[in-house]
Amino acid sequence: MTAESLPHIIDEAIRRAYAHQGVAVVQIPVDLPWQEIDDDVWYASANNYQKPIYENVSTTQAQTIADLLATAERPIIYYGIGARHAGPELEKLATQLKIPLVSTYPAKGIVADRTPYYLGSANRVAHKPANDALAQADVVLFVGSNFPFAELDNTFENVDKFLQIDIDMAKLGKRHYTDVAMLSDAKLALNKIIEFST
């Protein structure tokens, strides 16, 4: 609908074509390609492409994530329904590194509400502590989430490092430029990060 959205749509089409090993079709209004846009309004996720290998976890990426979380001033773990089998691992990592946990609303219940580091759900159906922590975070570990409103409300605009774990390659880099994009099962990935965080 706008020239600014065009690079993101093309990037999305390419990501889906690779993920599903097929064709993606984008219909572009004839007037959009001739409009100029700023260089900093878009990013490409092409460098996130990986062949799907879910049973293995990249030790290099796990170590990098562990190091970035350990050295961050205001890190946060933001997880979605894709982490539904990784509740104990989320809780263990948060406790080990003393990092707040924030969830999407559909993921509420993966970690018990009484968990000391759990601040509740953020954004649309939210708790104030979760939104406040997310707004101040310098490093975000995004686990199994596909928060669709991130671009609309600039949820991650103040984040220095964005780390993502997802089992669906098409989701890597979809909502934000990623400094580390790990294609992996959440439980396996978190266990490896916990191992490197001790």
Protein backbone atom coordinates (compact mmCIF):
# COMPACT_ATOMS: atom_id res chain seq x y z
CA MET A 1 0.00 0.00 0.00
CA THR A 2 3.00 2.31 0.50
CA ALA A 3 6.45 2.55 -1.03
CA GLU A 4 7.97 2.11 2.44
CA SER A 5 6.24 -1.27 2.86
CA LEU A 6 7.46 -2.63 -0.50
CA PRO A 7 10.96 -3.82 0.56
CA HIS A 8 9.46 -5.65 3.56
CA ILE A 9 6.83 -7.35 1.36
CA ILE A 10 9.47 -8.44 -1.18
CA ASP A 11 11.65 -9.72 1.66
CA GLU A 12 8.66 -11.64 3.05
CA ALA A 13 7.98 -13.19 -0.37
CA ILE A 14 11.57 -14.34 -0.75
CA ARG A 15 11.63 -15.76 2.79
CA ARG A 16 8.40 -17.71 2.19
CA ALA A 17 9.59 -19.02 -1.18
CA TYR A 18 12.74 -20.42 0.42
CA ALA A 19 10.91 -21.75 3.47
CA HIS A 20 8.28 -23.59 1.42
CA GLN A 21 10.60 -24.36 -1.51
CA GLY A 22 8.14 -22.90 -3.95
CA VAL A 23 6.99 -19.76 -5.68
CA ALA A 24 5.86 -16.53 -4.04
CA VAL A 25 3.87 -13.97 -6.01
CA VAL A 26 3.73 -10.27 -5.17
CA GLN A 27 1.44 -7.88 -7.03
CA ILE A 28 2.94 -4.39 -7.05
CA PRO A 29 0.93 -1.27 -7.90
CA VAL A 30 2.52 0.41 -10.90
CA ASP A 31 3.25 3.68 -9.08
CA LEU A 32 5.17 2.28 -6.08
CA PRO A 33 8.49 1.24 -7.69
CA TRP A 34 9.15 4.81 -8.85
CA GLN A 35 8.89 6.36 -5.40
CA GLU A 36 12.00 7.06 -3.34
CA ILE A 37 12.26 5.80 0.23
CA ASP A 38 14.90 6.31 2.92
CA ASP A 39 17.62 3.67 3.20
CA ASP A 40 16.97 3.17 6.91
CA VAL A 41 13.25 2.26 6.69
CA TRP A 42 13.89 -1.35 5.72
CA TYR A 43 16.26 -4.26 6.27
CA ALA A 44 16.83 -7.58 4.51
CA SER A 45 16.58 -10.95 6.23
CA ALA A 46 18.34 -12.89 3.44
CA ASN A 47 21.37 -13.61 5.61
CA ASN A 48 19.13 -15.52 8.06
CA TYR A 49 18.46 -18.34 5.59
CA GLN A 50 19.39 -21.75 6.99
CA LYS A 51 18.60 -25.30 6.03
CA PRO A 52 16.10 -26.77 8.51
CA ILE A 53 17.96 -29.00 11.01
CA TYR A 54 15.90 -29.04 14.16
CA GLU A 55 17.53 -31.76 16.20
CA ASN A 56 20.89 -29.97 16.30
CA VAL A 57 21.58 -26.67 18.00
CA SER A 58 24.32 -24.36 16.75
CA THR A 59 26.82 -24.18 19.60
CA THR A 60 28.28 -21.00 18.11
CA GLN A 61 24.90 -19.26 18.11
CA ALA A 62 24.06 -20.57 21.59
CA GLN A 63 27.37 -19.26 22.95
CA THR A 64 26.81 -15.88 21.28
CA ILE A 65 23.30 -15.60 22.73
CA ALA A 66 24.55 -16.60 26.21
CA ASP A 67 27.34 -13.99 26.02
CA LEU A 68 25.03 -11.20 24.81
CA LEU A 69 22.48 -11.93 27.55
CA ALA A 70 25.18 -12.05 30.23
CA THR A 71 26.67 -8.68 29.22
CA ALA A 72 23.41 -6.84 28.55
CA GLU A 73 22.33 -4.09 30.93
CA ARG A 74 18.58 -4.57 30.51
CA PRO A 75 17.93 -7.92 28.78
CA ILE A 76 14.50 -9.48 28.46
CA ILE A 77 13.16 -12.82 27.24
CA TYR A 78 10.01 -12.40 25.16
CA TYR A 79 8.38 -15.73 24.33
CA GLY A 80 5.34 -16.90 22.44
CA ILE A 81 3.31 -20.05 21.90
CA GLY A 82 6.25 -21.61 20.03
CA ALA A 83 7.90 -22.07 23.44
CA ARG A 84 4.97 -24.10 24.81
CA HIS A 85 7.17 -27.13 25.63
CA ALA A 86 10.00 -25.06 27.08
CA GLY A 87 8.51 -23.59 30.28
CA PRO A 88 11.09 -25.12 32.65
CA GLU A 89 13.94 -23.98 30.40
CA LEU A 90 12.61 -20.43 30.18
CA GLU A 91 12.32 -20.32 33.97
CA LYS A 92 15.79 -21.80 34.50
CA LEU A 93 17.50 -19.36 32.09
CA ALA A 94 15.67 -16.39 33.60
CA THR A 95 16.64 -17.44 37.13
CA GLN A 96 20.22 -18.24 36.20
CA LEU A 97 20.86 -14.88 34.49
CA LYS A 98 18.27 -12.85 36.47
CA ILE A 99 16.42 -11.82 33.30
CA PRO A 100 12.73 -10.80 33.21
CA LEU A 101 10.34 -13.02 31.28
CA VAL A 102 7.56 -11.49 29.18
CA SER A 103 5.05 -13.46 27.11
CA THR A 104 2.53 -12.92 24.39
CA TYR A 105 -1.02 -13.34 25.69
CA PRO A 106 -1.56 -16.74 23.99
CA ALA A 107 1.64 -17.97 25.68
CA LYS A 108 0.40 -17.03 29.16
CA GLY A 109 0.58 -20.14 31.33
CA ILE A 110 3.74 -21.63 29.81
CA VAL A 111 5.53 -20.22 32.84
CA ALA A 112 3.53 -19.98 36.05
CA ASP A 113 2.34 -16.49 37.02
CA ARG A 114 4.04 -16.88 40.41
CA THR A 115 7.48 -17.35 38.79
CA PRO A 116 9.65 -14.57 40.29
CA TYR A 117 11.01 -13.31 36.95
CA TYR A 118 7.73 -13.45 35.03
CA LEU A 119 6.25 -9.96 34.45
CA GLY A 120 3.14 -11.03 32.53
CA SER A 121 2.10 -10.53 28.93
CA ALA A 122 3.16 -7.50 26.92
CA ASN A 123 1.72 -5.22 24.27
CA ARG A 124 -1.94 -5.66 23.23
CA VAL A 125 -3.38 -7.57 26.21
CA ALA A 126 -0.74 -6.55 28.69
CA HIS A 127 0.54 -5.98 32.18
CA LYS A 128 2.25 -2.67 32.95
CA PRO A 129 5.50 -4.20 34.33
CA ALA A 130 5.90 -6.25 31.14
CA ASN A 131 5.39 -3.24 28.88
CA ASP A 132 7.72 -1.07 30.97
CA ALA A 133 10.50 -3.68 30.90
CA LEU A 134 10.09 -4.25 27.16
CA ALA A 135 10.26 -0.51 26.45
CA GLN A 136 13.60 -0.27 28.30
CA ALA A 137 15.23 -3.49 27.08
CA ASP A 138 18.59 -3.25 25.34
CA VAL A 139 18.73 -6.95 24.39
CA VAL A 140 15.68 -9.06 23.53
CA LEU A 141 15.67 -12.85 23.23
CA PHE A 142 12.58 -13.55 21.09
CA VAL A 143 11.58 -17.23 21.53
CA GLY A 144 8.84 -18.90 19.48
CA SER A 145 6.91 -15.70 18.91
CA ASN A 146 5.50 -13.95 15.88
CA PHE A 147 4.18 -10.73 17.39
CA PRO A 148 2.40 -9.20 14.36
CA PHE A 149 2.15 -5.63 15.66
CA ALA A 150 5.87 -5.02 16.23
CA GLU A 151 6.30 -2.81 13.17
CA LEU A 152 3.11 -0.83 13.82
CA ASP A 153 3.94 0.32 17.31
CA ASN A 154 7.77 0.19 17.05
CA THR A 155 7.94 -2.29 19.93
CA PHE A 156 11.64 -2.96 19.50
CA GLU A 157 12.87 0.44 18.32
CA ASN A 158 15.21 0.97 21.31
CA VAL A 159 16.71 -2.52 21.27
CA ASP A 160 20.46 -2.79 20.59
CA LYS A 161 20.58 -6.56 20.03
CA PHE A 162 17.70 -8.73 18.85
CA LEU A 163 18.17 -12.48 19.27
CA GLN A 164 15.63 -14.92 17.88
CA ILE A 165 14.91 -18.63 18.26
CA ASP A 166 12.26 -20.22 16.07
CA ILE A 167 11.57 -23.59 14.49
CA ASP A 168 10.04 -21.91 11.42
CA MET A 169 12.65 -20.39 9.13
CA ALA A 170 10.05 -18.03 7.64
CA LYS A 171 9.72 -16.33 11.05
CA LEU A 172 13.44 -15.54 11.45
CA GLY A 173 13.91 -11.83 10.90
CA LYS A 174 10.25 -11.29 10.10
CA ARG A 175 9.53 -8.68 12.79
CA HIS A 176 12.94 -7.13 13.38
CA TYR A 177 16.52 -7.20 12.15
CA THR A 178 18.18 -10.11 13.98
CA ASP A 179 21.71 -10.11 15.34
CA VAL A 180 21.43 -13.86 15.97
CA ALA A 181 18.75 -15.93 14.21
CA MET A 182 18.73 -19.50 15.52
CA LEU A 183 16.70 -22.10 13.64
CA SER A 184 15.93 -24.59 16.38
CA ASP A 185 13.40 -26.13 18.70
CA ALA A 186 12.98 -23.76 21.67
CA LYS A 187 13.58 -26.41 24.35
CA LEU A 188 16.80 -27.70 22.77
CA ALA A 189 18.11 -24.19 22.08
CA LEU A 190 17.39 -22.91 25.58
CA ASN A 191 19.08 -25.94 27.15
CA LYS A 192 22.22 -25.22 25.13
CA ILE A 193 22.15 -21.54 26.10
CA ILE A 194 21.71 -22.52 29.77
CA GLU A 195 24.74 -24.79 29.44
CA PHE A 196 26.86 -21.89 28.15
CA SER A 197 25.50 -19.51 30.81
CA THR A 198 26.82 -21.40 33.83
